[in-house]
C-alpha atoms as a PDB file:
ATOM      1  CA  MET A   1     -11.013   1.270  74.706  1.00  0.00           C
ATOM      2  CA  ASN A   2     -13.855   1.673  72.254  1.00  0.00           C
ATOM      3  CA  TYR A   3     -15.999  -1.396  72.798  1.00  0.00           C
ATOM      4  CA  HIS A   4     -19.205  -2.201  70.732  1.00  0.00           C
ATOM      5  CA  ILE A   5     -20.027  -5.007  73.230  1.00  0.00           C
ATOM      6  CA  GLU A   6     -19.160  -5.054  76.903  1.00  0.00           C
ATOM      7  CA  THR A   7     -20.488  -7.287  79.666  1.00  0.00           C
ATOM      8  CA  LYS A   8     -19.470  -6.461  83.388  1.00  0.00           C
ATOM      9  CA  GLY A   9     -19.672  -9.564  85.489  1.00  0.00           C
ATOM     10  CA  LEU A  10     -22.712 -10.881  83.675  1.00  0.00           C
ATOM     11  CA  ASN A  11     -24.591 -13.657  85.509  1.00  0.00           C
ATOM     12  CA  PHE A  12     -27.649 -15.569  84.249  1.00  0.00           C
ATOM     13  CA  ALA A  13     -29.478 -18.665  85.371  1.00  0.00           C
ATOM     14  CA  PHE A  14     -32.553 -20.391  83.953  1.00  0.00           C
ATOM     15  CA  THR A  15     -33.026 -22.139  87.305  1.00  0.00           C
ATOM     16  CA  PRO A  16     -31.961 -20.978  90.703  1.00  0.00           C
ATOM     17  CA  SER A  17     -29.735 -23.962  91.280  1.00  0.00           C
ATOM     18  CA  GLN A  18     -27.512 -23.836  88.310  1.00  0.00           C
ATOM     19  CA  ARG A  19     -26.070 -20.620  86.608  1.00  0.00           C
ATOM     20  CA  THR A  20     -25.583 -20.660  82.873  1.00  0.00           C
ATOM     21  CA  LEU A  21     -23.389 -17.767  82.789  1.00  0.00           C
ATOM     22  CA  VAL A  22     -20.899 -16.876  85.505  1.00  0.00           C
ATOM     23  CA  ASP A  23     -19.152 -13.354  85.957  1.00  0.00           C
ATOM     24  CA  LEU A  24     -18.862 -13.163  82.043  1.00  0.00           C
ATOM     25  CA  ASN A  25     -16.710 -10.135  81.028  1.00  0.00           C
ATOM     26  CA  LEU A  26     -16.782  -9.827  77.162  1.00  0.00           C
ATOM     27  CA  ASN A  27     -14.852  -7.020  75.464  1.00  0.00           C
ATOM     28  CA  VAL A  28     -15.783  -6.705  71.764  1.00  0.00           C
ATOM     29  CA  GLU A  29     -13.635  -3.754  70.174  1.00  0.00           C
ATOM     30  CA  LYS A  30     -15.001  -1.666  67.501  1.00  0.00           C
ATOM     31  CA  GLY A  31     -13.899  -2.812  63.978  1.00  0.00           C
ATOM     32  CA  SER A  32     -13.117  -6.379  65.079  1.00  0.00           C
ATOM     33  CA  ILE A  33     -14.297  -9.862  64.272  1.00  0.00           C
ATOM     34  CA  TYR A  34     -14.640 -11.637  67.584  1.00  0.00           C
ATOM     35  CA  GLY A  35     -14.649 -15.257  67.533  1.00  0.00           C
ATOM     36  CA  PHE A  36     -16.840 -16.475  70.491  1.00  0.00           C
ATOM     37  CA  LEU A  37     -15.741 -20.032  70.921  1.00  0.00           C
ATOM     38  CA  GLY A  38     -16.885 -22.760  73.135  1.00  0.00           C
ATOM     39  CA  PRO A  39     -18.158 -26.449  73.108  1.00  0.00           C
ATOM     40  CA  ASN A  40     -21.955 -27.040  72.703  1.00  0.00           C
ATOM     41  CA  GLY A  41     -23.740 -25.961  75.770  1.00  0.00           C
ATOM     42  CA  ALA A  42     -20.990 -23.773  77.024  1.00  0.00           C
ATOM     43  CA  GLY A  43     -23.260 -20.619  77.081  1.00  0.00           C
ATOM     44  CA  LYS A  44     -22.706 -18.957  73.681  1.00  0.00           C
ATOM     45  CA  THR A  45     -26.414 -18.908  72.498  1.00  0.00           C
ATOM     46  CA  THR A  46     -27.596 -17.708  75.926  1.00  0.00           C
ATOM     47  CA  THR A  47     -25.107 -14.889  75.750  1.00  0.00           C
ATOM     48  CA  ILE A  48     -26.080 -13.955  72.320  1.00  0.00           C
ATOM     49  CA  ARG A  49     -29.912 -13.921  73.255  1.00  0.00           C
ATOM     50  CA  LEU A  50     -29.052 -11.663  76.062  1.00  0.00           C
ATOM     51  CA  LEU A  51     -27.095  -9.319  73.776  1.00  0.00           C
ATOM     52  CA  VAL A  52     -29.903  -8.929  71.292  1.00  0.00           C
ATOM     53  CA  GLY A  53     -32.712  -8.671  74.024  1.00  0.00           C
ATOM     54  CA  LEU A  54     -34.254 -12.128  73.577  1.00  0.00           C
ATOM     55  CA  LEU A  55     -33.584 -12.854  77.101  1.00  0.00           C
ATOM     56  CA  LYS A  56     -33.638 -10.326  79.847  1.00  0.00           C
ATOM     57  CA  ASP A  57     -30.483  -9.426  81.681  1.00  0.00           C
ATOM     58  CA  PRO A  58     -31.512  -9.519  85.417  1.00  0.00           C
ATOM     59  CA  THR A  59     -28.365  -7.682  86.593  1.00  0.00           C
ATOM     60  CA  HIS A  60     -28.095  -4.753  84.020  1.00  0.00           C
ATOM     61  CA  SER A  61     -24.593  -5.855  83.037  1.00  0.00           C
ATOM     62  CA  ILE A  62     -24.687  -5.431  79.296  1.00  0.00           C
ATOM     63  CA  PHE A  63     -23.354  -2.336  77.540  1.00  0.00           C
ATOM     64  CA  LEU A  64     -23.597  -1.928  73.662  1.00  0.00           C
ATOM     65  CA  PHE A  65     -21.921   1.022  72.059  1.00  0.00           C
ATOM     66  CA  GLY A  66     -20.959   2.272  75.460  1.00  0.00           C
ATOM     67  CA  SER A  67     -24.582   2.643  76.648  1.00  0.00           C
ATOM     68  CA  PRO A  68     -26.639   0.291  78.986  1.00  0.00           C
ATOM     69  CA  LEU A  69     -28.873  -2.071  77.212  1.00  0.00           C
ATOM     70  CA  PHE A  70     -31.506  -2.149  79.896  1.00  0.00           C
ATOM     71  CA  ASN A  71     -32.863   1.480  79.508  1.00  0.00           C
ATOM     72  CA  GLN A  72     -31.850   2.199  75.798  1.00  0.00           C
ATOM     73  CA  ARG A  73     -32.837  -1.168  74.313  1.00  0.00           C
ATOM     74  CA  VAL A  74     -34.948   0.156  71.352  1.00  0.00           C
ATOM     75  CA  SER A  75     -32.365   2.636  70.051  1.00  0.00           C
ATOM     76  CA  ILE A  76     -29.386   0.236  70.552  1.00  0.00           C
ATOM     77  CA  LEU A  77     -31.020  -2.773  68.816  1.00  0.00           C
ATOM     78  CA  LYS A  78     -31.443  -0.589  65.695  1.00  0.00           C
ATOM     79  CA  ARG A  79     -27.792  -0.608  65.312  1.00  0.00           C
ATOM     80  CA  ILE A  80     -27.519  -4.358  65.401  1.00  0.00           C
ATOM     81  CA  GLY A  81     -28.134  -7.081  62.790  1.00  0.00           C
ATOM     82  CA  SER A  82     -28.324 -10.611  64.076  1.00  0.00           C
ATOM     83  CA  LEU A  83     -28.616 -14.274  62.947  1.00  0.00           C
ATOM     84  CA  ILE A  84     -29.555 -16.577  65.856  1.00  0.00           C
ATOM     85  CA  GLU A  85     -29.417 -20.171  65.142  1.00  0.00           C
ATOM     86  CA  GLN A  86     -31.420 -21.054  61.954  1.00  0.00           C
ATOM     87  CA  PRO A  87     -32.524 -18.396  59.580  1.00  0.00           C
ATOM     88  CA  SER A  88     -36.297 -17.577  59.447  1.00  0.00           C
ATOM     89  CA  LEU A  89     -37.193 -17.445  55.835  1.00  0.00           C
ATOM     90  CA  TYR A  90     -40.187 -17.988  53.709  1.00  0.00           C
ATOM     91  CA  ALA A  91     -39.436 -20.967  51.654  1.00  0.00           C
ATOM     92  CA  HIS A  92     -42.265 -20.499  49.110  1.00  0.00           C
ATOM     93  CA  LEU A  93     -41.165 -17.060  48.225  1.00  0.00           C
ATOM     94  CA  SER A  94     -38.173 -15.755  46.301  1.00  0.00           C
ATOM     95  CA  ALA A  95     -35.074 -14.079  47.842  1.00  0.00           C
ATOM     96  CA  LYS A  96     -36.114 -10.774  46.837  1.00  0.00           C
ATOM     97  CA  ASP A  97     -39.682 -11.296  48.218  1.00  0.00           C
ATOM     98  CA  ASN A  98     -38.204 -12.357  51.588  1.00  0.00           C
ATOM     99  CA  LEU A  99     -36.070  -9.190  51.698  1.00  0.00           C
ATOM    100  CA  GLU A 100     -39.062  -6.981  50.717  1.00  0.00           C
ATOM    101  CA  ILE A 101     -41.059  -8.332  53.655  1.00  0.00           C
ATOM    102  CA  TYR A 102     -38.193  -7.564  56.128  1.00  0.00           C
ATOM    103  CA  ARG A 103     -37.468  -4.164  54.305  1.00  0.00           C
ATOM    104  CA  LEU A 104     -40.944  -3.061  55.273  1.00  0.00           C
ATOM    105  CA  VAL A 105     -40.449  -4.185  58.912  1.00  0.00           C
ATOM    106  CA  TYR A 106     -37.161  -2.198  59.088  1.00  0.00           C
ATOM    107  CA  ALA A 107     -38.613   0.611  57.058  1.00  0.00           C
ATOM    108  CA  CYS A 108     -35.625   0.764  54.673  1.00  0.00           C
ATOM    109  CA  ALA A 109     -35.235   2.237  51.244  1.00  0.00           C
ATOM    110  CA  LYS A 110     -35.975  -0.112  48.520  1.00  0.00           C
ATOM    111  CA  ARG A 111     -32.440   0.290  46.895  1.00  0.00           C
ATOM    112  CA  ARG A 112     -31.237  -1.718  49.985  1.00  0.00           C
ATOM    113  CA  ILE A 113     -32.565  -4.889  48.623  1.00  0.00           C
ATOM    114  CA  GLU A 114     -30.223  -4.745  45.672  1.00  0.00           C
ATOM    115  CA  GLU A 115     -27.428  -3.584  47.677  1.00  0.00           C
ATOM    116  CA  VAL A 116     -27.514  -6.334  50.137  1.00  0.00           C
ATOM    117  CA  LEU A 117     -28.055  -9.118  47.473  1.00  0.00           C
ATOM    118  CA  GLU A 118     -24.872  -7.823  45.835  1.00  0.00           C
ATOM    119  CA  ILE A 119     -22.991  -7.753  49.134  1.00  0.00           C
ATOM    120  CA  VAL A 120     -23.793 -11.509  49.893  1.00  0.00           C
ATOM    121  CA  GLY A 121     -23.401 -12.665  46.298  1.00  0.00           C
ATOM    122  CA  LEU A 122     -27.104 -13.619  45.768  1.00  0.00           C
ATOM    123  CA  GLN A 123     -27.892 -10.972  42.907  1.00  0.00           C
ATOM    124  CA  LYS A 124     -28.267 -13.573  40.282  1.00  0.00           C
ATOM    125  CA  ASN A 125     -30.546 -15.659  42.462  1.00  0.00           C
ATOM    126  CA  LYS A 126     -32.826 -13.108  43.581  1.00  0.00           C
ATOM    127  CA  ARG A 127     -35.914 -14.320  41.895  1.00  0.00           C
ATOM    128  CA  GLN A 128     -35.251 -18.049  42.784  1.00  0.00           C
ATOM    129  CA  MET A 129     -37.545 -19.730  45.374  1.00  0.00           C
ATOM    130  CA  VAL A 130     -35.846 -20.025  48.670  1.00  0.00           C
ATOM    131  CA  LYS A 131     -36.928 -23.654  49.050  1.00  0.00           C
ATOM    132  CA  THR A 132     -34.464 -24.543  46.273  1.00  0.00           C
ATOM    133  CA  PHE A 133     -31.557 -22.742  47.904  1.00  0.00           C
ATOM    134  CA  SER A 134     -28.774 -24.673  49.384  1.00  0.00           C
ATOM    135  CA  LEU A 135     -28.109 -24.262  53.231  1.00  0.00           C
ATOM    136  CA  GLY A 136     -25.211 -21.889  52.560  1.00  0.00           C
ATOM    137  CA  MET A 137     -27.268 -19.663  50.236  1.00  0.00           C
ATOM    138  CA  LYS A 138     -29.944 -19.546  52.977  1.00  0.00           C
ATOM    139  CA  GLN A 139     -27.470 -18.380  55.470  1.00  0.00           C
ATOM    140  CA  ARG A 140     -26.213 -15.732  53.079  1.00  0.00           C
ATOM    141  CA  LEU A 141     -29.776 -14.619  52.578  1.00  0.00           C
ATOM    142  CA  ALA A 142     -30.279 -14.627  56.197  1.00  0.00           C
ATOM    143  CA  ILE A 143     -27.067 -12.348  56.673  1.00  0.00           C
ATOM    144  CA  ALA A 144     -28.497 -10.145  53.915  1.00  0.00           C
ATOM    145  CA  ILE A 145     -31.757  -9.583  55.842  1.00  0.00           C
ATOM    146  CA  ALA A 146     -29.678  -8.779  59.045  1.00  0.00           C
ATOM    147  CA  LEU A 147     -27.876  -6.100  56.762  1.00  0.00           C
ATOM    148  CA  LEU A 148     -30.969  -4.414  55.352  1.00  0.00           C
ATOM    149  CA  HIS A 149     -30.979  -1.552  58.051  1.00  0.00           C
ATOM    150  CA  ASP A 150     -27.197  -1.137  57.706  1.00  0.00           C
ATOM    151  CA  PRO A 151     -26.193  -1.936  61.209  1.00  0.00           C
ATOM    152  CA  GLU A 152     -22.976  -1.197  62.869  1.00  0.00           C
ATOM    153  CA  LEU A 153     -22.640  -4.435  64.662  1.00  0.00           C
ATOM    154  CA  LEU A 154     -23.424  -7.955  63.409  1.00  0.00           C
ATOM    155  CA  ILE A 155     -24.024 -10.816  65.930  1.00  0.00           C
ATOM    156  CA  LEU A 156     -24.067 -14.339  64.351  1.00  0.00           C
ATOM    157  CA  ASP A 157     -24.675 -17.430  66.152  1.00  0.00           C
ATOM    158  CA  GLU A 158     -22.866 -20.478  64.480  1.00  0.00           C
ATOM    159  CA  PRO A 159     -23.371 -19.226  60.900  1.00  0.00           C
ATOM    160  CA  THR A 160     -21.380 -22.057  59.425  1.00  0.00           C
ATOM    161  CA  ASN A 161     -23.058 -24.894  61.361  1.00  0.00           C
ATOM    162  CA  GLY A 162     -24.060 -27.812  59.063  1.00  0.00           C
ATOM    163  CA  LEU A 163     -22.481 -26.306  55.927  1.00  0.00           C
ATOM    164  CA  ASP A 164     -20.409 -28.071  53.472  1.00  0.00           C
ATOM    165  CA  PRO A 165     -16.907 -27.202  52.935  1.00  0.00           C
ATOM    166  CA  GLU A 166     -17.856 -24.772  49.999  1.00  0.00           C
ATOM    167  CA  GLY A 167     -20.560 -23.059  52.038  1.00  0.00           C
ATOM    168  CA  ILE A 168     -18.061 -22.508  55.008  1.00  0.00           C
ATOM    169  CA  VAL A 169     -15.453 -20.872  52.597  1.00  0.00           C
ATOM    170  CA  GLU A 170     -18.243 -18.608  51.306  1.00  0.00           C
ATOM    171  CA  ILE A 171     -19.357 -17.409  54.691  1.00  0.00           C
ATOM    172  CA  ARG A 172     -15.848 -17.013  55.839  1.00  0.00           C
ATOM    173  CA  ALA A 173     -15.138 -14.798  52.809  1.00  0.00           C
ATOM    174  CA  LEU A 174     -18.235 -12.813  53.436  1.00  0.00           C
ATOM    175  CA  LEU A 175     -17.489 -12.167  57.014  1.00  0.00           C
ATOM    176  CA  LYS A 176     -14.025 -10.763  56.108  1.00  0.00           C
ATOM    177  CA  LYS A 177     -15.594  -8.641  53.355  1.00  0.00           C
ATOM    178  CA  LEU A 178     -18.250  -7.065  55.746  1.00  0.00           C
ATOM    179  CA  ASN A 179     -15.561  -6.399  58.257  1.00  0.00           C
ATOM    180  CA  LYS A 180     -12.792  -4.763  55.885  1.00  0.00           C
ATOM    181  CA  GLU A 181     -14.949  -3.167  53.110  1.00  0.00           C
ATOM    182  CA  PHE A 182     -18.117  -2.364  55.034  1.00  0.00           C
ATOM    183  CA  GLU A 183     -16.496  -1.580  58.449  1.00  0.00           C
ATOM    184  CA  LYS A 184     -18.772  -3.824  60.482  1.00  0.00           C
ATOM    185  CA  THR A 185     -17.932  -5.225  63.898  1.00  0.00           C
ATOM    186  CA  ILE A 186     -18.711  -8.773  64.047  1.00  0.00           C
ATOM    187  CA  LEU A 187     -19.360 -11.233  66.791  1.00  0.00           C
ATOM    188  CA  VAL A 188     -19.468 -14.684  65.596  1.00  0.00           C
ATOM    189  CA  SER A 189     -19.902 -17.872  67.715  1.00  0.00           C
ATOM    190  CA  SER A 190     -18.634 -21.290  66.881  1.00  0.00           C
ATOM    191  CA  HIS A 191     -17.570 -24.473  68.486  1.00  0.00           C
ATOM    192  CA  LEU A 192     -14.775 -24.923  65.821  1.00  0.00           C
ATOM    193  CA  LEU A 193     -11.634 -23.355  66.603  1.00  0.00           C
ATOM    194  CA  SER A 194     -10.179 -24.103  63.206  1.00  0.00           C
ATOM    195  CA  GLU A 195     -12.946 -21.946  61.640  1.00  0.00           C
ATOM    196  CA  VAL A 196     -12.545 -19.152  64.266  1.00  0.00           C
ATOM    197  CA  GLU A 197      -8.867 -19.064  63.692  1.00  0.00           C
ATOM    198  CA  LYS A 198      -9.116 -18.251  60.010  1.00  0.00           C
ATOM    199  CA  VAL A 199     -11.469 -15.367  60.284  1.00  0.00           C
ATOM    200  CA  ALA A 200     -11.290 -13.748  63.816  1.00  0.00           C
ATOM    201  CA  SER A 201      -8.967 -10.826  64.907  1.00  0.00           C
ATOM    202  CA  HIS A 202     -10.064 -11.574  68.544  1.00  0.00           C
ATOM    203  CA  VAL A 203     -11.110 -14.627  70.393  1.00  0.00           C
ATOM    204  CA  GLY A 204     -13.007 -15.524  73.596  1.00  0.00           C
ATOM    205  CA  ILE A 205     -13.330 -19.011  74.834  1.00  0.00           C
ATOM    206  CA  ILE A 206     -16.252 -19.895  77.053  1.00  0.00           C
ATOM    207  CA  HIS A 207     -16.729 -23.082  78.858  1.00  0.00           C
ATOM    208  CA  ARG A 208     -19.396 -23.921  81.379  1.00  0.00           C
ATOM    209  CA  GLY A 209     -20.534 -20.408  81.362  1.00  0.00           C
ATOM    210  CA  ARG A 210     -17.064 -18.979  82.329  1.00  0.00           C
ATOM    211  CA  LEU A 211     -14.812 -17.069  79.972  1.00  0.00           C
ATOM    212  CA  LEU A 212     -11.614 -18.943  80.265  1.00  0.00           C
ATOM    213  CA  PHE A 213      -9.591 -16.794  77.566  1.00  0.00           C
ATOM    214  CA  GLN A 214      -9.888 -13.508  75.914  1.00  0.00           C
ATOM    215  CA  GLY A 215      -7.508 -11.690  73.620  1.00  0.00           C
ATOM    216  CA  THR A 216      -6.254 -11.128  69.937  1.00  0.00           C
ATOM    217  CA  ARG A 217      -5.594 -14.090  67.633  1.00  0.00           C
ATOM    218  CA  GLU A 218      -1.876 -13.401  68.168  1.00  0.00           C
ATOM    219  CA  MET A 219      -2.231 -13.776  71.942  1.00  0.00           C
ATOM    220  CA  LEU A 220      -3.750 -17.119  71.376  1.00  0.00           C
ATOM    221  CA  LEU A 221      -1.076 -18.204  68.875  1.00  0.00           C
ATOM    222  CA  LYS A 222       1.547 -17.076  71.471  1.00  0.00           C
ATOM    223  CA  LYS A 223      -0.133 -19.119  74.126  1.00  0.00           C
ATOM    224  CA  LYS A 224      -0.052 -22.130  71.688  1.00  0.00           C
ATOM    225  CA  SER A 225       3.698 -21.747  71.016  1.00  0.00           C
ATOM    226  CA  ALA A 226       4.447 -21.654  74.875  1.00  0.00           C
ATOM    227  CA  VAL A 227       3.109 -25.413  75.146  1.00  0.00           C
ATOM    228  CA  VAL A 228       4.900 -28.190  73.718  1.00  0.00           C
ATOM    229  CA  HIS A 229       4.710 -32.038  73.737  1.00  0.00           C
ATOM    230  CA  LEU A 230       8.355 -33.092  74.839  1.00  0.00           C
ATOM    231  CA  GLU A 231       9.699 -36.331  73.430  1.00  0.00           C
ATOM    232  CA  LEU A 232      12.558 -37.990  75.452  1.00  0.00           C
ATOM    233  CA  GLU A 233      14.568 -41.131  74.770  1.00  0.00           C
ATOM    234  CA  PRO A 234      16.106 -42.011  78.371  1.00  0.00           C
ATOM    235  CA  SER A 235      18.475 -44.670  79.336  1.00  0.00           C
ATOM    236  CA  ASP A 236      16.175 -45.943  82.044  1.00  0.00           C
ATOM    237  CA  MET A 237      12.334 -45.802  80.931  1.00  0.00           C
ATOM    238  CA  HIS A 238      11.184 -46.921  84.331  1.00  0.00           C
ATOM    239  CA  ILE A 239      12.986 -44.142  86.382  1.00  0.00           C
ATOM    240  CA  ALA A 240      11.957 -41.532  83.703  1.00  0.00           C
ATOM    241  CA  ARG A 241       8.240 -42.449  84.021  1.00  0.00           C
ATOM    242  CA  SER A 242       8.380 -42.482  87.878  1.00  0.00           C
ATOM    243  CA  LEU A 243       9.872 -38.953  87.862  1.00  0.00           C
ATOM    244  CA  PHE A 244       7.156 -37.473  85.584  1.00  0.00           C
ATOM    245  CA  GLU A 245       4.036 -39.468  85.714  1.00  0.00           C
ATOM    246  CA  ASN A 246       2.581 -37.566  88.773  1.00  0.00           C
ATOM    247  CA  LYS A 247       3.364 -34.060  87.169  1.00  0.00           C
ATOM    248  CA  PHE A 248       2.443 -34.613  83.523  1.00  0.00           C
ATOM    249  CA  SER A 249       0.293 -36.594  81.186  1.00  0.00           C
ATOM    250  CA  LEU A 250       2.693 -39.161  79.617  1.00  0.00           C
ATOM    251  CA  LYS A 251       2.332 -41.214  76.425  1.00  0.00           C
ATOM    252  CA  GLN A 252       4.714 -44.106  75.480  1.00  0.00           C
ATOM    253  CA  LEU A 253       5.489 -43.693  71.917  1.00  0.00           C
ATOM    254  CA  ASN A 254       7.643 -46.875  71.660  1.00  0.00           C
ATOM    255  CA  GLU A 255      10.011 -48.924  73.879  1.00  0.00           C
ATOM    256  CA  SER A 256      12.510 -46.198  73.983  1.00  0.00           C
ATOM    257  CA  THR A 257      10.600 -42.993  73.914  1.00  0.00           C
ATOM    258  CA  VAL A 258       8.156 -41.233  76.090  1.00  0.00           C
ATOM    259  CA  GLN A 259       6.042 -38.213  75.309  1.00  0.00           C
ATOM    260  CA  ILE A 260       5.536 -35.639  78.038  1.00  0.00           C
ATOM    261  CA  LYS A 261       2.427 -33.702  77.118  1.00  0.00           C
ATOM    262  CA  ASP A 262       1.613 -29.912  77.637  1.00  0.00           C
ATOM    263  CA  ALA A 263       4.938 -28.912  79.058  1.00  0.00           C
ATOM    264  CA  SER A 264       6.185 -25.395  78.704  1.00  0.00           C
ATOM    265  CA  LYS A 265       9.547 -24.487  76.885  1.00  0.00           C
ATOM    266  CA  GLU A 266      10.923 -23.137  80.255  1.00  0.00           C
ATOM    267  CA  GLN A 267      10.351 -26.521  81.779  1.00  0.00           C
ATOM    268  CA  ILE A 268      12.662 -28.438  79.393  1.00  0.00           C
ATOM    269  CA  PRO A 269      16.038 -27.584  81.024  1.00  0.00           C
ATOM    270  CA  ALA A 270      14.747 -28.548  84.377  1.00  0.00           C
ATOM    271  CA  LEU A 271      13.292 -31.853  83.274  1.00  0.00           C
ATOM    272  CA  VAL A 272      16.598 -32.725  81.746  1.00  0.00           C
ATOM    273  CA  GLU A 273      18.505 -31.743  84.918  1.00  0.00           C
ATOM    274  CA  LEU A 274      16.235 -34.059  86.951  1.00  0.00           C
ATOM    275  CA  LEU A 275      17.049 -36.913  84.842  1.00  0.00           C
ATOM    276  CA  VAL A 276      20.782 -36.224  84.915  1.00  0.00           C
ATOM    277  CA  ASP A 277      20.600 -36.030  88.735  1.00  0.00           C
ATOM    278  CA  LYS A 278      19.149 -39.503  88.752  1.00  0.00           C
ATOM    279  CA  LYS A 279      21.972 -40.884  86.568  1.00  0.00           C
ATOM    280  CA  VAL A 280      19.523 -41.237  83.630  1.00  0.00           C
ATOM    281  CA  ARG A 281      21.342 -40.419  80.338  1.00  0.00           C
ATOM    282  CA  VAL A 282      19.151 -38.642  77.700  1.00  0.00           C
ATOM    283  CA  TYR A 283      19.944 -40.155  74.281  1.00  0.00           C
ATOM    284  CA  ASN A 284      17.572 -37.963  72.258  1.00  0.00           C
ATOM    285  CA  ILE A 285      15.207 -35.033  73.032  1.00  0.00           C
ATOM    286  CA  GLY A 286      12.802 -33.149  70.859  1.00  0.00           C
ATOM    287  CA  HIS A 287       9.572 -31.139  71.089  1.00  0.00           C
ATOM    288  CA  GLN A 288       6.482 -30.426  69.205  1.00  0.00           C
ATOM    289  CA  GLN A 289       4.259 -27.476  69.596  1.00  0.00           C
ATOM    290  CA  THR A 290       0.643 -28.177  70.300  1.00  0.00           C
ATOM    291  CA  ASN A 291      -1.851 -27.296  67.728  1.00  0.00           C
ATOM    292  CA  LEU A 292      -4.832 -24.987  68.325  1.00  0.00           C
ATOM    293  CA  GLU A 293      -7.355 -27.731  68.528  1.00  0.00           C
ATOM    294  CA  GLU A 294      -5.280 -29.315  71.432  1.00  0.00           C
ATOM    295  CA  LEU A 295      -4.737 -25.929  73.029  1.00  0.00           C
ATOM    296  CA  PHE A 296      -8.571 -25.395  72.888  1.00  0.00           C
ATOM    297  CA  LEU A 297      -9.085 -28.864  74.509  1.00  0.00           C
ATOM    298  CA  GLN A 298      -6.530 -28.045  77.164  1.00  0.00           C
ATOM    299  CA  ILE A 299      -8.103 -24.632  78.051  1.00  0.00           C
ATOM    300  CA  THR A 300     -11.719 -26.146  78.105  1.00  0.00           C
ATOM    301  CA  SER A 301     -10.612 -29.239  80.281  1.00  0.00           C
ATOM    302  CA  ALA A 302      -8.921 -27.246  82.859  1.00  0.00           C
END
């Protein structure tokens, strides 16, 4: 497999007593949009800081473009564009002047300024002072800066954080454009599964420094469809609850109906047979699939 990012049992700790990352094995395929998902404090930003060299990997467990980061750091980082937390912009300068400063740092051709402004949709705002920009425009300008040296890989930490709905839609569309039209591999972190679901081809879910799920978006959706909320209307509610309350999370919907949360489809026949064996009649049965937000909570609360 051609991975642009690969970590092999990555461990990291700020203090000896508590590890921030535990045996992390990320696999980000070339050409993918990898949604790196987890609650705040799960280890996303620490991982990203390690990937771009802002933190030192003590175990030499990071491989980018198939090469170890620890001894090829300079050449590898030239192939990466990144946005870590809030963009660093000069508010008193125009968008074009901001890009000119970074163009000199990256030693890029002058034409790249106009090119990246066009890509991120800020061509008409290039002479506007950044202090007058909306947060969404600032995020797009920061991504334009990350694109100046035409990197193969983009690493973006919570690029939609704090944006209004219009700004979120703009960033989402930009990421898809960069991936499809400009063939950029993108790792984007978020704590919002609903946003990752709409843009990512692959998903990794991290919680308390451990990777709990990794796979394609289709694999995540398949995992979702395998988990259901089962609704039963038994003839004897007391017996039904006593049979299931130690095995499942139950919710009484009304006097006659109980919901068995997070059961699998394969368990439904056995649950019905158990009721029948206890002489409990089932008047009605139905199931409802969990949504992705519920699945995320289920995975991270395990």
